[in-house]
């Protein structure tokens, strides 16, 4: 849940929702007839209370979500490192096999008896 919230709160859509909510709230309480206002201007006590509750709930969830995302990133990085090391080992092994083939071709061209360690026959 924390990761889901972290991914949604950090978006432009969330910012626009908060901006629209704030604009509507403040606009209504400034411009509506006085008998319909539910959070009188300049105090906006209820608005401040709601904003603080949202902040108090979101902050720890975002931190938890970021910690989880960080541990997932570290696991992915470790996995990528392991894959890169294996790939490098395969490249080195392939290169050694190529060198071995070249050496064997040289031995055949020179007609060297490798088993006896003697020179050309």
N, C-alpha and C. Protein backbone atom coordinates (compact mmCIF):
# COMPACT_ATOMS: atom_id res chain seq x y z
N UNK A 1 0.82 -1.18 0.00
CA UNK A 1 0.00 0.00 0.00
C UNK A 1 0.88 1.26 0.00
N UNK A 2 1.97 1.20 0.78
CA UNK A 2 2.86 2.36 0.86
C UNK A 2 3.50 2.66 -0.50
N UNK A 3 3.88 1.62 -1.23
CA UNK A 3 4.48 1.82 -2.55
C UNK A 3 3.45 2.40 -3.51
N UNK A 4 2.24 1.88 -3.46
CA UNK A 4 1.17 2.36 -4.33
C UNK A 4 0.93 3.85 -4.07
N UNK A 5 0.85 4.23 -2.80
CA UNK A 5 0.61 5.64 -2.45
C UNK A 5 1.81 6.50 -2.88
N UNK A 6 3.02 6.01 -2.65
CA UNK A 6 4.22 6.75 -3.03
C UNK A 6 4.24 7.02 -4.53
N UNK A 7 3.86 6.01 -5.32
CA UNK A 7 3.86 6.17 -6.78
C UNK A 7 2.78 7.15 -7.23
N UNK A 8 1.67 7.23 -6.53
CA UNK A 8 0.57 8.11 -6.95
C UNK A 8 0.77 9.55 -6.47
N UNK A 9 1.30 9.73 -5.26
CA UNK A 9 1.44 11.06 -4.69
C UNK A 9 2.49 11.87 -5.44
N UNK A 10 3.46 11.23 -5.99
CA UNK A 10 4.53 11.95 -6.70
C UNK A 10 4.20 12.28 -8.14
N UNK A 11 2.93 12.37 -8.49
CA UNK A 11 2.54 12.63 -9.87
C UNK A 11 1.95 14.03 -10.02
N UNK A 12 1.93 14.48 -11.25
CA UNK A 12 1.31 15.77 -11.55
C UNK A 12 -0.20 15.70 -11.33
N UNK A 13 -0.79 14.54 -11.57
CA UNK A 13 -2.23 14.39 -11.36
C UNK A 13 -2.60 14.65 -9.90
N UNK A 14 -1.81 14.10 -8.98
CA UNK A 14 -2.07 14.33 -7.55
C UNK A 14 -1.94 15.81 -7.22
N UNK A 15 -0.92 16.45 -7.76
CA UNK A 15 -0.74 17.88 -7.53
C UNK A 15 -1.96 18.66 -8.02
N UNK A 16 -2.45 18.31 -9.21
CA UNK A 16 -3.60 19.02 -9.77
C UNK A 16 -4.86 18.78 -8.94
N UNK A 17 -5.03 17.57 -8.40
CA UNK A 17 -6.18 17.29 -7.53
C UNK A 17 -6.11 18.16 -6.28
N UNK A 18 -4.93 18.21 -5.66
CA UNK A 18 -4.77 19.04 -4.45
C UNK A 18 -4.99 20.51 -4.78
N UNK A 19 -4.47 20.96 -5.93
CA UNK A 19 -4.64 22.36 -6.33
C UNK A 19 -6.12 22.67 -6.55
N UNK A 20 -6.83 21.78 -7.24
CA UNK A 20 -8.26 22.00 -7.48
C UNK A 20 -9.04 21.99 -6.17
N UNK A 21 -8.72 21.04 -5.30
CA UNK A 21 -9.40 20.95 -4.00
C UNK A 21 -9.19 22.24 -3.21
N UNK A 22 -7.97 22.71 -3.15
CA UNK A 22 -7.65 23.94 -2.41
C UNK A 22 -8.35 25.15 -3.03
N UNK A 23 -8.31 25.23 -4.35
CA UNK A 23 -8.95 26.36 -5.03
C UNK A 23 -10.45 26.37 -4.78
N UNK A 24 -11.08 25.20 -4.89
CA UNK A 24 -12.52 25.12 -4.65
C UNK A 24 -12.85 25.46 -3.20
N UNK A 25 -12.09 24.91 -2.29
CA UNK A 25 -12.35 25.15 -0.86
C UNK A 25 -12.24 26.63 -0.53
N UNK A 26 -11.11 27.20 -0.92
CA UNK A 26 -10.89 28.61 -0.60
C UNK A 26 -11.86 29.51 -1.36
N UNK A 27 -12.09 29.18 -2.63
CA UNK A 27 -13.03 29.98 -3.42
C UNK A 27 -14.43 29.95 -2.84
N UNK A 28 -14.91 28.76 -2.46
CA UNK A 28 -16.24 28.64 -1.88
C UNK A 28 -16.34 29.45 -0.59
N UNK A 29 -15.32 29.32 0.26
CA UNK A 29 -15.39 29.99 1.55
C UNK A 29 -15.11 31.49 1.47
N UNK A 30 -14.60 31.97 0.34
CA UNK A 30 -14.44 33.41 0.14
C UNK A 30 -15.66 33.99 -0.58
N UNK A 31 -16.16 33.27 -1.59
CA UNK A 31 -17.14 33.86 -2.50
C UNK A 31 -18.59 33.44 -2.25
N UNK A 32 -18.82 32.34 -1.57
CA UNK A 32 -20.20 31.88 -1.34
C UNK A 32 -20.90 32.83 -0.37
N UNK A 33 -22.23 32.83 -0.41
CA UNK A 33 -22.96 33.64 0.58
C UNK A 33 -22.55 33.22 1.99
N UNK A 34 -22.57 34.17 2.89
CA UNK A 34 -22.03 33.92 4.22
C UNK A 34 -22.71 32.77 4.93
N UNK A 35 -23.99 32.57 4.72
CA UNK A 35 -24.71 31.49 5.41
C UNK A 35 -24.30 30.11 4.88
N UNK A 36 -23.68 30.03 3.67
CA UNK A 36 -23.27 28.74 3.09
C UNK A 36 -21.79 28.42 3.34
N UNK A 37 -21.07 29.38 3.86
CA UNK A 37 -19.65 29.14 4.14
C UNK A 37 -19.53 28.23 5.36
N UNK A 38 -18.67 27.22 5.25
CA UNK A 38 -18.51 26.27 6.35
C UNK A 38 -17.15 26.41 7.02
N UNK A 39 -16.23 27.16 6.43
CA UNK A 39 -14.90 27.37 7.00
C UNK A 39 -14.55 28.84 6.80
N UNK A 40 -14.89 29.69 7.76
CA UNK A 40 -14.82 31.13 7.54
C UNK A 40 -13.41 31.62 7.20
N UNK A 41 -13.35 32.54 6.20
CA UNK A 41 -12.05 33.09 5.85
C UNK A 41 -11.51 33.90 6.99
N UNK A 42 -10.51 34.10 7.06
CA UNK A 42 -9.10 34.12 7.10
C UNK A 42 -8.57 33.04 8.02
N UNK A 43 -9.39 32.40 8.78
CA UNK A 43 -8.90 31.33 9.66
C UNK A 43 -8.72 30.02 8.93
N UNK A 44 -9.74 29.62 8.17
CA UNK A 44 -9.75 28.34 7.46
C UNK A 44 -9.27 27.20 8.37
N UNK A 45 -9.84 27.14 9.56
CA UNK A 45 -9.41 26.16 10.56
C UNK A 45 -9.63 24.74 10.07
N UNK A 46 -10.81 24.47 9.50
CA UNK A 46 -11.11 23.11 9.04
C UNK A 46 -10.19 22.72 7.87
N UNK A 47 -9.94 23.66 6.96
CA UNK A 47 -9.03 23.39 5.83
C UNK A 47 -7.63 23.06 6.35
N UNK A 48 -7.13 23.84 7.30
CA UNK A 48 -5.81 23.59 7.86
C UNK A 48 -5.76 22.25 8.58
N UNK A 49 -6.84 21.92 9.31
CA UNK A 49 -6.90 20.64 9.99
C UNK A 49 -6.84 19.49 8.98
N UNK A 50 -7.65 19.55 7.93
CA UNK A 50 -7.68 18.49 6.90
C UNK A 50 -6.32 18.38 6.21
N UNK A 51 -5.70 19.51 5.89
CA UNK A 51 -4.39 19.49 5.23
C UNK A 51 -3.34 18.86 6.13
N UNK A 52 -3.36 19.18 7.40
CA UNK A 52 -2.40 18.60 8.33
C UNK A 52 -2.60 17.11 8.51
N UNK A 53 -3.86 16.67 8.56
CA UNK A 53 -4.13 15.23 8.67
C UNK A 53 -3.59 14.50 7.45
N UNK A 54 -3.85 15.05 6.28
CA UNK A 54 -3.35 14.43 5.04
C UNK A 54 -1.82 14.36 5.07
N UNK A 55 -1.19 15.44 5.45
CA UNK A 55 0.28 15.47 5.51
C UNK A 55 0.82 14.47 6.52
N UNK A 56 0.19 14.41 7.69
CA UNK A 56 0.66 13.49 8.73
C UNK A 56 0.50 12.03 8.30
N UNK A 57 -0.50 11.74 7.53
CA UNK A 57 -0.70 10.36 7.07
C UNK A 57 0.20 10.03 5.88
N UNK A 58 0.40 11.00 5.00
CA UNK A 58 1.18 10.74 3.78
C UNK A 58 2.68 10.66 4.04
N UNK A 59 3.19 11.51 4.90
CA UNK A 59 4.65 11.54 5.10
C UNK A 59 5.24 10.19 5.50
N UNK A 60 4.73 9.53 6.54
CA UNK A 60 5.32 8.23 6.88
C UNK A 60 5.11 7.18 5.80
N UNK A 61 3.94 7.21 5.14
CA UNK A 61 3.69 6.24 4.07
C UNK A 61 4.65 6.44 2.90
N UNK A 62 4.93 7.69 2.58
CA UNK A 62 5.86 7.97 1.48
C UNK A 62 7.27 7.49 1.84
N UNK A 63 7.68 7.73 3.07
CA UNK A 63 9.01 7.29 3.50
C UNK A 63 9.11 5.76 3.45
N UNK A 64 8.08 5.08 3.95
CA UNK A 64 8.07 3.61 3.90
C UNK A 64 8.11 3.14 2.44
N UNK A 65 7.30 3.76 1.59
CA UNK A 65 7.28 3.40 0.17
C UNK A 65 8.63 3.62 -0.49
N UNK A 66 9.28 4.72 -0.17
CA UNK A 66 10.60 4.99 -0.75
C UNK A 66 11.63 3.98 -0.26
N UNK A 67 11.54 3.58 1.01
CA UNK A 67 12.46 2.56 1.53
C UNK A 67 12.26 1.23 0.80
N UNK A 68 11.02 0.86 0.58
CA UNK A 68 10.73 -0.39 -0.15
C UNK A 68 11.24 -0.29 -1.58
N UNK A 69 10.97 0.84 -2.24
CA UNK A 69 11.45 1.03 -3.61
C UNK A 69 12.97 1.00 -3.65
N UNK A 70 13.63 1.57 -2.64
CA UNK A 70 15.09 1.56 -2.59
C UNK A 70 15.64 0.15 -2.45
N UNK A 71 15.01 -0.66 -1.59
CA UNK A 71 15.49 -2.04 -1.44
C UNK A 71 15.26 -2.84 -2.71
N UNK A 72 14.15 -2.57 -3.42
CA UNK A 72 13.92 -3.24 -4.71
C UNK A 72 14.98 -2.81 -5.73
N UNK A 73 15.33 -1.53 -5.71
CA UNK A 73 16.36 -1.03 -6.63
C UNK A 73 17.71 -1.67 -6.34
N UNK A 74 18.03 -1.83 -5.06
CA UNK A 74 19.30 -2.47 -4.70
C UNK A 74 19.31 -3.93 -5.14
N UNK A 75 18.18 -4.62 -4.99
CA UNK A 75 18.10 -6.02 -5.42
C UNK A 75 18.26 -6.12 -6.93
N UNK A 76 17.62 -5.19 -7.67
CA UNK A 76 17.77 -5.19 -9.13
C UNK A 76 19.21 -4.91 -9.53
N UNK A 77 19.84 -3.96 -8.85
CA UNK A 77 21.23 -3.62 -9.16
C UNK A 77 22.15 -4.82 -8.89
N UNK A 78 21.92 -5.53 -7.80
CA UNK A 78 22.72 -6.72 -7.49
C UNK A 78 22.52 -7.79 -8.56
N UNK A 79 21.28 -7.98 -8.98
CA UNK A 79 20.98 -8.97 -10.01
C UNK A 79 21.65 -8.57 -11.33
N UNK A 80 21.59 -7.28 -11.68
CA UNK A 80 22.26 -6.80 -12.89
C UNK A 80 23.76 -7.02 -12.82
N UNK A 81 24.35 -6.79 -11.65
CA UNK A 81 25.79 -7.01 -11.47
C UNK A 81 26.12 -8.49 -11.70
N UNK A 82 25.33 -9.38 -11.13
CA UNK A 82 25.57 -10.81 -11.32
C UNK A 82 25.49 -11.20 -12.79
N UNK A 83 24.51 -10.67 -13.49
CA UNK A 83 24.37 -10.95 -14.93
C UNK A 83 25.56 -10.41 -15.70
N UNK A 84 26.00 -9.19 -15.36
CA UNK A 84 27.15 -8.60 -16.05
C UNK A 84 28.43 -9.40 -15.80
N UNK A 85 28.62 -9.89 -14.58
CA UNK A 85 29.81 -10.69 -14.27
C UNK A 85 29.78 -11.99 -15.07
N UNK A 86 28.62 -12.63 -15.13
CA UNK A 86 28.50 -13.87 -15.91
C UNK A 86 28.76 -13.61 -17.39
N UNK A 87 28.23 -12.52 -17.91
CA UNK A 87 28.45 -12.18 -19.31
C UNK A 87 29.92 -11.92 -19.58
N UNK A 88 30.58 -11.23 -18.67
CA UNK A 88 32.01 -10.96 -18.84
C UNK A 88 32.81 -12.26 -18.81
N UNK A 89 32.44 -13.17 -17.91
CA UNK A 89 33.12 -14.47 -17.86
C UNK A 89 32.93 -15.24 -19.15
N UNK A 90 31.72 -15.18 -19.71
CA UNK A 90 31.46 -15.86 -20.98
C UNK A 90 32.29 -15.26 -22.11
N UNK A 91 32.41 -13.93 -22.13
CA UNK A 91 33.21 -13.27 -23.16
C UNK A 91 34.67 -13.69 -23.04
N UNK A 92 35.17 -13.70 -21.82
CA UNK A 92 36.57 -14.11 -21.59
C UNK A 92 36.76 -15.56 -22.01
N UNK A 93 35.84 -16.44 -21.63
CA UNK A 93 35.94 -17.85 -22.00
C UNK A 93 35.90 -18.02 -23.51
N UNK A 94 35.01 -17.28 -24.17
CA UNK A 94 34.93 -17.35 -25.64
C UNK A 94 36.24 -16.89 -26.28
N UNK A 95 36.81 -15.81 -25.74
CA UNK A 95 38.08 -15.30 -26.28
C UNK A 95 39.21 -16.32 -26.07
N UNK A 96 39.24 -16.97 -24.91
CA UNK A 96 40.26 -18.00 -24.65
C UNK A 96 40.09 -19.19 -25.59
N UNK A 97 38.85 -19.55 -25.88
CA UNK A 97 38.61 -20.64 -26.82
C UNK A 97 39.08 -20.26 -28.22
N UNK A 98 38.85 -19.00 -28.63
CA UNK A 98 39.34 -18.52 -29.92
C UNK A 98 40.87 -18.59 -29.98
N UNK A 99 41.52 -18.14 -28.90
CA UNK A 99 42.98 -18.19 -28.86
C UNK A 99 43.47 -19.63 -28.91
N UNK A 100 42.78 -20.52 -28.22
CA UNK A 100 43.16 -21.93 -28.25
C UNK A 100 43.04 -22.49 -29.66
N UNK A 101 41.96 -22.14 -30.37
CA UNK A 101 41.78 -22.59 -31.76
C UNK A 101 42.91 -22.07 -32.65
N UNK A 102 43.27 -20.80 -32.44
CA UNK A 102 44.36 -20.22 -33.24
C UNK A 102 45.67 -20.96 -32.97
N UNK A 103 45.95 -21.23 -31.70
CA UNK A 103 47.17 -21.96 -31.34
C UNK A 103 47.17 -23.37 -31.95
N UNK A 104 46.03 -24.03 -31.92
CA UNK A 104 45.95 -25.38 -32.50
C UNK A 104 46.17 -25.34 -34.01
N UNK A 105 45.65 -24.31 -34.68
CA UNK A 105 45.89 -24.17 -36.12
C UNK A 105 47.37 -23.94 -36.40
N UNK A 106 48.03 -23.13 -35.53
CA UNK A 106 49.46 -22.89 -35.70
C UNK A 106 50.24 -24.18 -35.51
N UNK A 107 49.83 -24.97 -34.53
CA UNK A 107 50.52 -26.24 -34.27
C UNK A 107 50.37 -27.16 -35.48
N UNK A 108 49.19 -27.23 -36.04
CA UNK A 108 48.97 -28.09 -37.21
C UNK A 108 49.78 -27.61 -38.41
N UNK A 109 49.84 -26.28 -38.61
CA UNK A 109 50.61 -25.73 -39.72
C UNK A 109 52.10 -26.05 -39.59
N UNK A 110 52.58 -25.95 -38.37
CA UNK A 110 54.00 -26.20 -38.14
C UNK A 110 54.30 -27.68 -38.01
N UNK A 111 53.24 -28.49 -37.99
CA UNK A 111 53.38 -29.94 -37.89
C UNK A 111 54.18 -30.32 -36.65
N UNK A 112 53.79 -29.74 -35.50
CA UNK A 112 54.45 -30.02 -34.25
C UNK A 112 53.70 -31.14 -33.55
N UNK A 113 54.44 -32.11 -33.06
CA UNK A 113 53.83 -33.19 -32.30
C UNK A 113 53.67 -32.71 -30.86
N UNK A 114 52.48 -32.28 -30.51
CA UNK A 114 52.21 -31.70 -29.21
C UNK A 114 52.35 -32.74 -28.13
N UNK A 115 51.99 -33.98 -28.41
CA UNK A 115 52.02 -35.01 -27.37
C UNK A 115 53.45 -35.31 -26.91
N UNK A 116 54.39 -35.24 -27.79
CA UNK A 116 55.75 -35.58 -27.40
C UNK A 116 56.59 -34.35 -27.05
N UNK A 117 56.08 -33.18 -27.36
CA UNK A 117 56.79 -31.97 -27.03
C UNK A 117 58.02 -31.79 -27.90
N UNK A 118 58.08 -32.47 -29.06
CA UNK A 118 59.22 -32.36 -29.97
C UNK A 118 58.95 -31.30 -31.00
N UNK A 119 59.98 -30.90 -31.70
CA UNK A 119 59.87 -29.92 -32.76
C UNK A 119 59.25 -30.55 -34.00
N UNK A 120 59.40 -29.92 -35.15
CA UNK A 120 58.82 -30.42 -36.40
C UNK A 120 59.38 -31.80 -36.73
N UNK A 121 58.49 -32.65 -37.30
CA UNK A 121 58.92 -34.00 -37.59
C UNK A 121 59.48 -34.14 -38.98
